[in-house]
All heavy atoms as atom14 arrays in JSON, in Angstrom:
{
  "sequence": "LPSIGREYNYNEIAIMTRAAPARLLGLKDRGHLGEGGLADIAVY",
  "atom14_mask": [
    [1, 1, 1, 1, 1, 1, 1, 1, 0, 0, 0, 0, 0, 0],
    [1, 1, 1, 1, 1, 1, 1, 0, 0, 0, 0, 0, 0, 0],
    [1, 1, 1, 1, 1, 1, 0, 0, 0, 0, 0, 0, 0, 0],
    [1, 1, 1, 1, 1, 1, 1, 1, 0, 0, 0, 0, 0, 0],
    [1, 1, 1, 1, 0, 0, 0, 0, 0, 0, 0, 0, 0, 0],
    [1, 1, 1, 1, 1, 1, 1, 1, 1, 1, 1, 0, 0, 0],
    [1, 1, 1, 1, 1, 1, 1, 1, 1, 0, 0, 0, 0, 0],
    [1, 1, 1, 1, 1, 1, 1, 1, 1, 1, 1, 1, 0, 0],
    [1, 1, 1, 1, 1, 1, 1, 1, 0, 0, 0, 0, 0, 0],
    [1, 1, 1, 1, 1, 1, 1, 1, 1, 1, 1, 1, 0, 0],
    [1, 1, 1, 1, 1, 1, 1, 1, 0, 0, 0, 0, 0, 0],
    [1, 1, 1, 1, 1, 1, 1, 1, 1, 0, 0, 0, 0, 0],
    [1, 1, 1, 1, 1, 1, 1, 1, 0, 0, 0, 0, 0, 0],
    [1, 1, 1, 1, 1, 0, 0, 0, 0, 0, 0, 0, 0, 0],
    [1, 1, 1, 1, 1, 1, 1, 1, 0, 0, 0, 0, 0, 0],
    [1, 1, 1, 1, 1, 1, 1, 1, 0, 0, 0, 0, 0, 0],
    [1, 1, 1, 1, 1, 1, 1, 0, 0, 0, 0, 0, 0, 0],
    [1, 1, 1, 1, 1, 1, 1, 1, 1, 1, 1, 0, 0, 0],
    [1, 1, 1, 1, 1, 0, 0, 0, 0, 0, 0, 0, 0, 0],
    [1, 1, 1, 1, 1, 0, 0, 0, 0, 0, 0, 0, 0, 0],
    [1, 1, 1, 1, 1, 1, 1, 0, 0, 0, 0, 0, 0, 0],
    [1, 1, 1, 1, 1, 0, 0, 0, 0, 0, 0, 0, 0, 0],
    [1, 1, 1, 1, 1, 1, 1, 1, 1, 1, 1, 0, 0, 0],
    [1, 1, 1, 1, 1, 1, 1, 1, 0, 0, 0, 0, 0, 0],
    [1, 1, 1, 1, 1, 1, 1, 1, 0, 0, 0, 0, 0, 0],
    [1, 1, 1, 1, 0, 0, 0, 0, 0, 0, 0, 0, 0, 0],
    [1, 1, 1, 1, 1, 1, 1, 1, 0, 0, 0, 0, 0, 0],
    [1, 1, 1, 1, 1, 1, 1, 1, 1, 0, 0, 0, 0, 0],
    [1, 1, 1, 1, 1, 1, 1, 1, 0, 0, 0, 0, 0, 0],
    [1, 1, 1, 1, 1, 1, 1, 1, 1, 1, 1, 0, 0, 0],
    [1, 1, 1, 1, 0, 0, 0, 0, 0, 0, 0, 0, 0, 0],
    [1, 1, 1, 1, 1, 1, 1, 1, 1, 1, 0, 0, 0, 0],
    [1, 1, 1, 1, 1, 1, 1, 1, 0, 0, 0, 0, 0, 0],
    [1, 1, 1, 1, 0, 0, 0, 0, 0, 0, 0, 0, 0, 0],
    [1, 1, 1, 1, 1, 1, 1, 1, 1, 0, 0, 0, 0, 0],
    [1, 1, 1, 1, 0, 0, 0, 0, 0, 0, 0, 0, 0, 0],
    [1, 1, 1, 1, 0, 0, 0, 0, 0, 0, 0, 0, 0, 0],
    [1, 1, 1, 1, 1, 1, 1, 1, 0, 0, 0, 0, 0, 0],
    [1, 1, 1, 1, 1, 0, 0, 0, 0, 0, 0, 0, 0, 0],
    [1, 1, 1, 1, 1, 1, 1, 1, 0, 0, 0, 0, 0, 0],
    [1, 1, 1, 1, 1, 1, 1, 1, 0, 0, 0, 0, 0, 0],
    [1, 1, 1, 1, 1, 0, 0, 0, 0, 0, 0, 0, 0, 0],
    [1, 1, 1, 1, 1, 1, 1, 0, 0, 0, 0, 0, 0, 0],
    [1, 1, 1, 1, 1, 1, 1, 1, 1, 1, 1, 1, 0, 0]
  ],
  "atom14_positions": [
    [[23.43, 9.41, 1.99], [22.43, 9.39, 0.94], [23.01, 9.24, -0.48], [22.46, 8.47, -1.3], [21.57, 10.67, 0.98], [20.36, 10.72, 0.06], [19.42, 9.55, 0.3], [19.62, 12.04, 0.23], [0.0, 0.0, 0.0], [0.0, 0.0, 0.0], [0.0, 0.0, 0.0], [0.0, 0.0, 0.0], [0.0, 0.0, 0.0], [0.0, 0.0, 0.0]],
    [[24.15, 9.9, -0.84], [24.65, 9.75, -2.22], [25.01, 8.3, -2.59], [24.99, 7.95, -3.76], [25.87, 10.66, -2.23], [25.65, 11.64, -1.15], [24.92, 10.91, -0.08], [0.0, 0.0, 0.0], [0.0, 0.0, 0.0], [0.0, 0.0, 0.0], [0.0, 0.0, 0.0], [0.0, 0.0, 0.0], [0.0, 0.0, 0.0], [0.0, 0.0, 0.0]],
    [[25.29, 7.51, -1.59], [25.76, 6.13, -1.89], [24.59, 5.14, -2.01], [24.8, 3.98, -2.36], [26.69, 5.65, -0.77], [25.98, 5.49, 0.45], [0.0, 0.0, 0.0], [0.0, 0.0, 0.0], [0.0, 0.0, 0.0], [0.0, 0.0, 0.0], [0.0, 0.0, 0.0], [0.0, 0.0, 0.0], [0.0, 0.0, 0.0], [0.0, 0.0, 0.0]],
    [[23.38, 5.57, -1.75], [22.24, 4.65, -1.74], [21.58, 4.58, -3.11], [21.12, 5.61, -3.64], [21.2, 5.08, -0.67], [21.82, 5.18, 0.68], [20.02, 4.1, -0.65], [20.94, 5.76, 1.77], [0.0, 0.0, 0.0], [0.0, 0.0, 0.0], [0.0, 0.0, 0.0], [0.0, 0.0, 0.0], [0.0, 0.0, 0.0], [0.0, 0.0, 0.0]],
    [[21.54, 3.39, -3.67], [20.97, 3.23, -5.03], [19.54, 2.76, -5.07], [18.94, 2.74, -6.12], [0.0, 0.0, 0.0], [0.0, 0.0, 0.0], [0.0, 0.0, 0.0], [0.0, 0.0, 0.0], [0.0, 0.0, 0.0], [0.0, 0.0, 0.0], [0.0, 0.0, 0.0], [0.0, 0.0, 0.0], [0.0, 0.0, 0.0], [0.0, 0.0, 0.0]],
    [[18.99, 2.41, -3.93], [17.63, 1.84, -3.92], [16.59, 2.79, -4.5], [16.66, 4.0, -4.29], [17.27, 1.48, -2.49], [15.86, 0.84, -2.36], [15.51, 0.54, -0.92], [14.16, 0.01, -0.77], [13.56, -0.23, 0.4], [14.23, 0.02, 1.52], [12.35, -0.71, 0.44], [0.0, 0.0, 0.0], [0.0, 0.0, 0.0], [0.0, 0.0, 0.0]],
    [[15.66, 2.21, -5.26], [14.51, 2.94, -5.78], [13.27, 2.12, -5.45], [13.19, 0.94, -5.8], [14.64, 3.15, -7.29], [15.8, 4.01, -7.7], [15.93, 4.17, -9.21], [15.59, 3.2, -9.93], [16.39, 5.24, -9.69], [0.0, 0.0, 0.0], [0.0, 0.0, 0.0], [0.0, 0.0, 0.0], [0.0, 0.0, 0.0], [0.0, 0.0, 0.0]],
    [[12.29, 2.77, -4.83], [11.04, 2.07, -4.54], [10.32, 1.75, -5.85], [10.33, 2.54, -6.81], [10.13, 2.97, -3.7], [10.32, 2.82, -2.18], [11.48, 3.27, -1.57], [9.33, 2.25, -1.39], [11.63, 3.17, -0.21], [9.5, 2.12, -0.03], [10.65, 2.59, 0.56], [10.83, 2.45, 1.91], [0.0, 0.0, 0.0], [0.0, 0.0, 0.0]],
    [[9.67, 0.59, -5.88], [8.81, 0.23, -7.01], [7.35, 0.42, -6.61], [7.03, 0.72, -5.47], [9.11, -1.17, -7.52], [8.93, -2.23, -6.43], [7.99, -2.13, -5.61], [9.81, -3.23, -6.43], [0.0, 0.0, 0.0], [0.0, 0.0, 0.0], [0.0, 0.0, 0.0], [0.0, 0.0, 0.0], [0.0, 0.0, 0.0], [0.0, 0.0, 0.0]],
    [[6.44, 0.2, -7.59], [5.03, 0.43, -7.32], [4.52, -0.48, -6.22], [3.67, -0.14, -5.41], [4.19, 0.23, -8.59], [4.38, 1.32, -9.61], [4.71, 1.03, -10.9], [4.2, 2.68, -9.28], [4.89, 2.03, -11.87], [4.39, 3.67, -10.2], [4.71, 3.35, -11.52], [4.88, 4.33, -12.44], [0.0, 0.0, 0.0], [0.0, 0.0, 0.0]],
    [[5.01, -1.74, -6.19], [4.57, -2.68, -5.18], [4.94, -2.21, -3.8], [4.16, -2.26, -2.86], [5.16, -4.05, -5.45], [4.54, -5.13, -4.61], [3.34, -5.48, -4.78], [5.27, -5.7, -3.69], [0.0, 0.0, 0.0], [0.0, 0.0, 0.0], [0.0, 0.0, 0.0], [0.0, 0.0, 0.0], [0.0, 0.0, 0.0], [0.0, 0.0, 0.0]],
    [[6.17, -1.68, -3.64], [6.6, -1.18, -2.32], [5.86, 0.08, -1.92], [5.52, 0.27, -0.75], [8.1, -0.89, -2.37], [8.95, -2.18, -2.45], [10.42, -1.87, -2.68], [10.74, -1.0, -3.5], [11.25, -2.55, -2.0], [0.0, 0.0, 0.0], [0.0, 0.0, 0.0], [0.0, 0.0, 0.0], [0.0, 0.0, 0.0], [0.0, 0.0, 0.0]],
    [[5.54, 0.93, -2.9], [4.7, 2.1, -2.59], [3.34, 1.69, -2.11], [2.8, 2.23, -1.16], [4.58, 3.01, -3.85], [5.92, 3.64, -4.21], [3.5, 4.09, -3.64], [6.47, 4.62, -3.21], [0.0, 0.0, 0.0], [0.0, 0.0, 0.0], [0.0, 0.0, 0.0], [0.0, 0.0, 0.0], [0.0, 0.0, 0.0], [0.0, 0.0, 0.0]],
    [[2.75, 0.66, -2.76], [1.43, 0.2, -2.37], [1.45, -0.42, -0.99], [0.49, -0.29, -0.19], [0.91, -0.81, -3.39], [0.0, 0.0, 0.0], [0.0, 0.0, 0.0], [0.0, 0.0, 0.0], [0.0, 0.0, 0.0], [0.0, 0.0, 0.0], [0.0, 0.0, 0.0], [0.0, 0.0, 0.0], [0.0, 0.0, 0.0], [0.0, 0.0, 0.0]],
    [[2.54, -1.12, -0.64], [2.68, -1.67, 0.74], [2.74, -0.52, 1.76], [1.95, -0.47, 2.71], [3.92, -2.53, 0.87], [3.78, -3.83, 0.04], [4.19, -2.88, 2.33], [5.06, -4.63, -0.06], [0.0, 0.0, 0.0], [0.0, 0.0, 0.0], [0.0, 0.0, 0.0], [0.0, 0.0, 0.0], [0.0, 0.0, 0.0], [0.0, 0.0, 0.0]],
    [[3.63, 0.41, 1.53], [3.92, 1.46, 2.5], [2.73, 2.4, 2.7], [2.56, 2.95, 3.83], [5.16, 2.26, 2.05], [5.6, 3.35, 3.01], [7.19, 4.07, 2.55], [6.81, 4.68, 0.9], [0.0, 0.0, 0.0], [0.0, 0.0, 0.0], [0.0, 0.0, 0.0], [0.0, 0.0, 0.0], [0.0, 0.0, 0.0], [0.0, 0.0, 0.0]],
    [[1.95, 2.66, 1.68], [0.89, 3.66, 1.75], [-0.51, 3.08, 1.75], [-1.46, 3.81, 1.89], [1.01, 4.65, 0.58], [0.89, 3.92, -0.67], [2.32, 5.39, 0.58], [0.0, 0.0, 0.0], [0.0, 0.0, 0.0], [0.0, 0.0, 0.0], [0.0, 0.0, 0.0], [0.0, 0.0, 0.0], [0.0, 0.0, 0.0], [0.0, 0.0, 0.0]],
    [[-0.63, 1.76, 1.58], [-1.95, 1.13, 1.56], [-2.03, -0.07, 2.5], [-2.65, -0.03, 3.53], [-2.31, 0.69, 0.11], [-2.9, 1.74, -0.73], [-1.92, 2.55, -1.5], [-2.59, 3.41, -2.45], [-2.04, 4.46, -3.03], [-0.77, 4.78, -2.8], [-2.73, 5.21, -3.88], [0.0, 0.0, 0.0], [0.0, 0.0, 0.0], [0.0, 0.0, 0.0]],
    [[-1.32, -1.16, 2.09], [-1.49, -2.42, 2.8], [-0.96, -2.36, 4.21], [-1.64, -2.83, 5.16], [-0.72, -3.5, 1.99], [0.0, 0.0, 0.0], [0.0, 0.0, 0.0], [0.0, 0.0, 0.0], [0.0, 0.0, 0.0], [0.0, 0.0, 0.0], [0.0, 0.0, 0.0], [0.0, 0.0, 0.0], [0.0, 0.0, 0.0], [0.0, 0.0, 0.0]],
    [[0.24, -1.82, 4.43], [0.82, -1.75, 5.77], [0.03, -0.87, 6.73], [-0.25, -1.25, 7.85], [2.26, -1.35, 5.7], [0.0, 0.0, 0.0], [0.0, 0.0, 0.0], [0.0, 0.0, 0.0], [0.0, 0.0, 0.0], [0.0, 0.0, 0.0], [0.0, 0.0, 0.0], [0.0, 0.0, 0.0], [0.0, 0.0, 0.0], [0.0, 0.0, 0.0]],
    [[-0.33, 0.36, 6.31], [-1.16, 1.19, 7.24], [-2.47, 0.53, 7.62], [-2.91, 0.63, 8.79], [-1.4, 2.49, 6.45], [-0.28, 2.55, 5.48], [0.01, 1.11, 5.1], [0.0, 0.0, 0.0], [0.0, 0.0, 0.0], [0.0, 0.0, 0.0], [0.0, 0.0, 0.0], [0.0, 0.0, 0.0], [0.0, 0.0, 0.0], [0.0, 0.0, 0.0]],
    [[-3.13, -0.13, 6.67], [-4.4, -0.8, 7.0], [-4.19, -1.87, 8.04], [-4.97, -2.02, 8.99], [-5.02, -1.37, 5.74], [0.0, 0.0, 0.0], [0.0, 0.0, 0.0], [0.0, 0.0, 0.0], [0.0, 0.0, 0.0], [0.0, 0.0, 0.0], [0.0, 0.0, 0.0], [0.0, 0.0, 0.0], [0.0, 0.0, 0.0], [0.0, 0.0, 0.0]],
    [[-3.12, -2.67, 7.85], [-2.82, -3.72, 8.82], [-2.46, -3.16, 10.2], [-2.9, -3.62, 11.23], [-1.68, -4.61, 8.29], [-1.39, -5.82, 9.19], [-0.43, -6.77, 8.55], [0.94, -6.28, 8.56], [1.99, -6.99, 8.13], [1.81, -8.2, 7.62], [3.21, -6.48, 8.18], [0.0, 0.0, 0.0], [0.0, 0.0, 0.0], [0.0, 0.0, 0.0]],
    [[-1.65, -2.07, 10.22], [-1.22, -1.45, 11.49], [-2.43, -0.93, 12.27], [-2.48, -1.07, 13.5], [-0.29, -0.3, 11.2], [0.31, 0.39, 12.42], [1.42, -0.46, 13.03], [0.87, 1.77, 12.03], [0.0, 0.0, 0.0], [0.0, 0.0, 0.0], [0.0, 0.0, 0.0], [0.0, 0.0, 0.0], [0.0, 0.0, 0.0], [0.0, 0.0, 0.0]],
    [[-3.45, -0.37, 11.59], [-4.58, 0.22, 12.23], [-5.75, -0.74, 12.47], [-6.74, -0.36, 13.04], [-5.07, 1.42, 11.41], [-4.1, 2.58, 11.24], [-4.53, 3.53, 10.14], [-3.91, 3.33, 12.55], [0.0, 0.0, 0.0], [0.0, 0.0, 0.0], [0.0, 0.0, 0.0], [0.0, 0.0, 0.0], [0.0, 0.0, 0.0], [0.0, 0.0, 0.0]],
    [[-5.61, -1.96, 11.96], [-6.68, -2.94, 12.13], [-7.84, -2.73, 11.17], [-8.94, -3.21, 11.4], [0.0, 0.0, 0.0], [0.0, 0.0, 0.0], [0.0, 0.0, 0.0], [0.0, 0.0, 0.0], [0.0, 0.0, 0.0], [0.0, 0.0, 0.0], [0.0, 0.0, 0.0], [0.0, 0.0, 0.0], [0.0, 0.0, 0.0], [0.0, 0.0, 0.0]],
    [[-7.57, -2.09, 10.02], [-8.63, -1.78, 9.05], [-8.65, -2.85, 7.97], [-8.09, -2.7, 6.88], [-8.37, -0.39, 8.44], [-8.23, 0.76, 9.42], [-7.9, 2.04, 8.71], [-9.53, 0.92, 10.25], [0.0, 0.0, 0.0], [0.0, 0.0, 0.0], [0.0, 0.0, 0.0], [0.0, 0.0, 0.0], [0.0, 0.0, 0.0], [0.0, 0.0, 0.0]],
    [[-9.3, -3.98, 8.27], [-9.28, -5.1, 7.38], [-10.08, -4.88, 6.09], [-9.92, -5.65, 5.14], [-9.84, -6.34, 8.15], [-8.95, -6.73, 9.32], [-9.5, -7.94, 10.04], [-8.6, -8.32, 11.23], [-9.13, -9.52, 11.97], [0.0, 0.0, 0.0], [0.0, 0.0, 0.0], [0.0, 0.0, 0.0], [0.0, 0.0, 0.0], [0.0, 0.0, 0.0]],
    [[-10.92, -3.85, 6.1], [-11.78, -3.65, 4.92], [-11.1, -2.8, 3.84], [-11.71, -2.55, 2.8], [-13.1, -2.98, 5.34], [-12.92, -1.61, 5.97], [-11.75, -1.22, 6.26], [-13.95, -0.9, 6.19], [0.0, 0.0, 0.0], [0.0, 0.0, 0.0], [0.0, 0.0, 0.0], [0.0, 0.0, 0.0], [0.0, 0.0, 0.0], [0.0, 0.0, 0.0]],
    [[-9.87, -2.35, 4.05], [-9.25, -1.48, 3.08], [-7.76, -1.75, 2.98], [-7.22, -2.62, 3.67], [-9.51, -0.01, 3.44], [-8.89, 0.43, 4.76], [-9.48, 1.73, 5.22], [-10.86, 1.54, 5.72], [-11.72, 2.49, 5.93], [-11.41, 3.76, 5.67], [-12.93, 2.23, 6.38], [0.0, 0.0, 0.0], [0.0, 0.0, 0.0], [0.0, 0.0, 0.0]],
    [[-7.09, -1.0, 2.08], [-5.65, -1.26, 1.86], [-5.36, -2.36, 0.89], [-4.21, -2.7, 0.65], [0.0, 0.0, 0.0], [0.0, 0.0, 0.0], [0.0, 0.0, 0.0], [0.0, 0.0, 0.0], [0.0, 0.0, 0.0], [0.0, 0.0, 0.0], [0.0, 0.0, 0.0], [0.0, 0.0, 0.0], [0.0, 0.0, 0.0], [0.0, 0.0, 0.0]],
    [[-6.41, -2.95, 0.29], [-6.23, -4.04, -0.67], [-7.36, -4.0, -1.71], [-8.34, -3.23, -1.56], [-6.22, -5.39, 0.05], [-7.54, -5.76, 0.72], [-8.56, -6.39, 0.05], [-8.01, -5.5, 1.96], [-9.59, -6.55, 0.87], [-9.27, -6.01, 2.05], [0.0, 0.0, 0.0], [0.0, 0.0, 0.0], [0.0, 0.0, 0.0], [0.0, 0.0, 0.0]],
    [[-7.22, -4.79, -2.74], [-8.2, -4.83, -3.83], [-8.84, -6.2, -3.95], [-9.31, -6.61, -5.0], [-7.55, -4.44, -5.15], [-6.97, -3.02, -5.21], [-6.2, -2.79, -6.5], [-8.05, -1.97, -5.03], [0.0, 0.0, 0.0], [0.0, 0.0, 0.0], [0.0, 0.0, 0.0], [0.0, 0.0, 0.0], [0.0, 0.0, 0.0], [0.0, 0.0, 0.0]],
    [[-8.9, -6.91, -2.84], [-9.5, -8.24, -2.84], [-11.01, -8.23, -2.75], [-11.63, -7.2, -2.35], [0.0, 0.0, 0.0], [0.0, 0.0, 0.0], [0.0, 0.0, 0.0], [0.0, 0.0, 0.0], [0.0, 0.0, 0.0], [0.0, 0.0, 0.0], [0.0, 0.0, 0.0], [0.0, 0.0, 0.0], [0.0, 0.0, 0.0], [0.0, 0.0, 0.0]],
    [[-11.59, -9.34, -3.08], [-13.05, -9.5, -3.06], [-13.57, -9.21, -1.65], [-13.04, -9.69, -0.65], [-13.43, -10.91, -3.46], [-14.9, -11.17, -3.52], [-15.22, -12.6, -3.94], [-14.29, -13.3, -4.44], [-16.37, -13.04, -3.79], [0.0, 0.0, 0.0], [0.0, 0.0, 0.0], [0.0, 0.0, 0.0], [0.0, 0.0, 0.0], [0.0, 0.0, 0.0]],
    [[-14.59, -8.36, -1.57], [-15.19, -7.98, -0.28], [-14.58, -6.73, 0.3], [-15.09, -6.18, 1.29], [0.0, 0.0, 0.0], [0.0, 0.0, 0.0], [0.0, 0.0, 0.0], [0.0, 0.0, 0.0], [0.0, 0.0, 0.0], [0.0, 0.0, 0.0], [0.0, 0.0, 0.0], [0.0, 0.0, 0.0], [0.0, 0.0, 0.0], [0.0, 0.0, 0.0]],
    [[-13.46, -6.26, -0.23], [-12.82, -5.06, 0.28], [-13.62, -3.8, -0.06], [-14.38, -3.78, -1.0], [0.0, 0.0, 0.0], [0.0, 0.0, 0.0], [0.0, 0.0, 0.0], [0.0, 0.0, 0.0], [0.0, 0.0, 0.0], [0.0, 0.0, 0.0], [0.0, 0.0, 0.0], [0.0, 0.0, 0.0], [0.0, 0.0, 0.0], [0.0, 0.0, 0.0]],
    [[-13.4, -2.78, 0.73], [-14.04, -1.5, 0.5], [-13.57, -0.95, -0.83], [-12.36, -1.02, -1.15], [-13.67, -0.54, 1.63], [-14.51, 0.72, 1.82], [-15.95, 0.37, 2.16], [-13.91, 1.59, 2.93], [0.0, 0.0, 0.0], [0.0, 0.0, 0.0], [0.0, 0.0, 0.0], [0.0, 0.0, 0.0], [0.0, 0.0, 0.0], [0.0, 0.0, 0.0]],
    [[-14.46, -0.42, -1.61], [-14.1, 0.09, -2.94], [-13.52, 1.48, -2.84], [-14.03, 2.47, -3.36], [-15.31, 0.07, -3.87], [0.0, 0.0, 0.0], [0.0, 0.0, 0.0], [0.0, 0.0, 0.0], [0.0, 0.0, 0.0], [0.0, 0.0, 0.0], [0.0, 0.0, 0.0], [0.0, 0.0, 0.0], [0.0, 0.0, 0.0], [0.0, 0.0, 0.0]],
    [[-12.37, 1.57, -2.1], [-11.54, 2.77, -2.09], [-10.38, 2.5, -3.02], [-9.5, 1.65, -2.75], [-10.97, 2.99, -0.67], [-12.01, 3.54, 0.29], [-13.18, 3.65, -0.09], [-11.63, 3.79, 1.45], [0.0, 0.0, 0.0], [0.0, 0.0, 0.0], [0.0, 0.0, 0.0], [0.0, 0.0, 0.0], [0.0, 0.0, 0.0], [0.0, 0.0, 0.0]],
    [[-10.39, 3.14, -4.18], [-9.51, 2.78, -5.29], [-8.91, 4.02, -5.92], [-9.62, 5.05, -6.12], [-10.25, 1.97, -6.38], [-10.85, 0.69, -5.76], [-9.34, 1.62, -7.55], [-11.9, 0.04, -6.61], [0.0, 0.0, 0.0], [0.0, 0.0, 0.0], [0.0, 0.0, 0.0], [0.0, 0.0, 0.0], [0.0, 0.0, 0.0], [0.0, 0.0, 0.0]],
    [[-7.61, 3.98, -6.19], [-6.92, 5.09, -6.87], [-6.29, 4.57, -8.13], [-5.64, 3.52, -8.15], [-5.84, 5.71, -5.96], [0.0, 0.0, 0.0], [0.0, 0.0, 0.0], [0.0, 0.0, 0.0], [0.0, 0.0, 0.0], [0.0, 0.0, 0.0], [0.0, 0.0, 0.0], [0.0, 0.0, 0.0], [0.0, 0.0, 0.0], [0.0, 0.0, 0.0]],
    [[-6.51, 5.3, -9.23], [-5.95, 4.94, -10.55], [-5.04, 6.08, -10.99], [-5.45, 7.26, -10.98], [-7.07, 4.73, -11.58], [-6.5, 4.34, -12.94], [-8.05, 3.65, -11.09], [0.0, 0.0, 0.0], [0.0, 0.0, 0.0], [0.0, 0.0, 0.0], [0.0, 0.0, 0.0], [0.0, 0.0, 0.0], [0.0, 0.0, 0.0], [0.0, 0.0, 0.0]],
    [[-3.79, 5.73, -11.36], [-2.79, 6.73, -11.73], [-2.31, 6.54, -13.15], [-2.33, 5.42, -13.69], [-1.57, 6.64, -10.79], [-1.88, 6.9, -9.35], [-2.02, 5.85, -8.42], [-2.01, 8.21, -8.88], [-2.28, 6.11, -7.1], [-2.27, 8.47, -7.53], [-2.4, 7.4, -6.64], [-2.66, 7.66, -5.32], [0.0, 0.0, 0.0], [0.0, 0.0, 0.0]]
  ]
}
């Protein structure tokens, strides 16, 4: 661990916690902010 310099960015966080889980579970209506998507939205 001490030798690892990688830092996740916001895009990678959004993939890992939004886009990828939705795709894995077959939930096409969420995990994204595209037109027609479910209005499940988090603002930080």
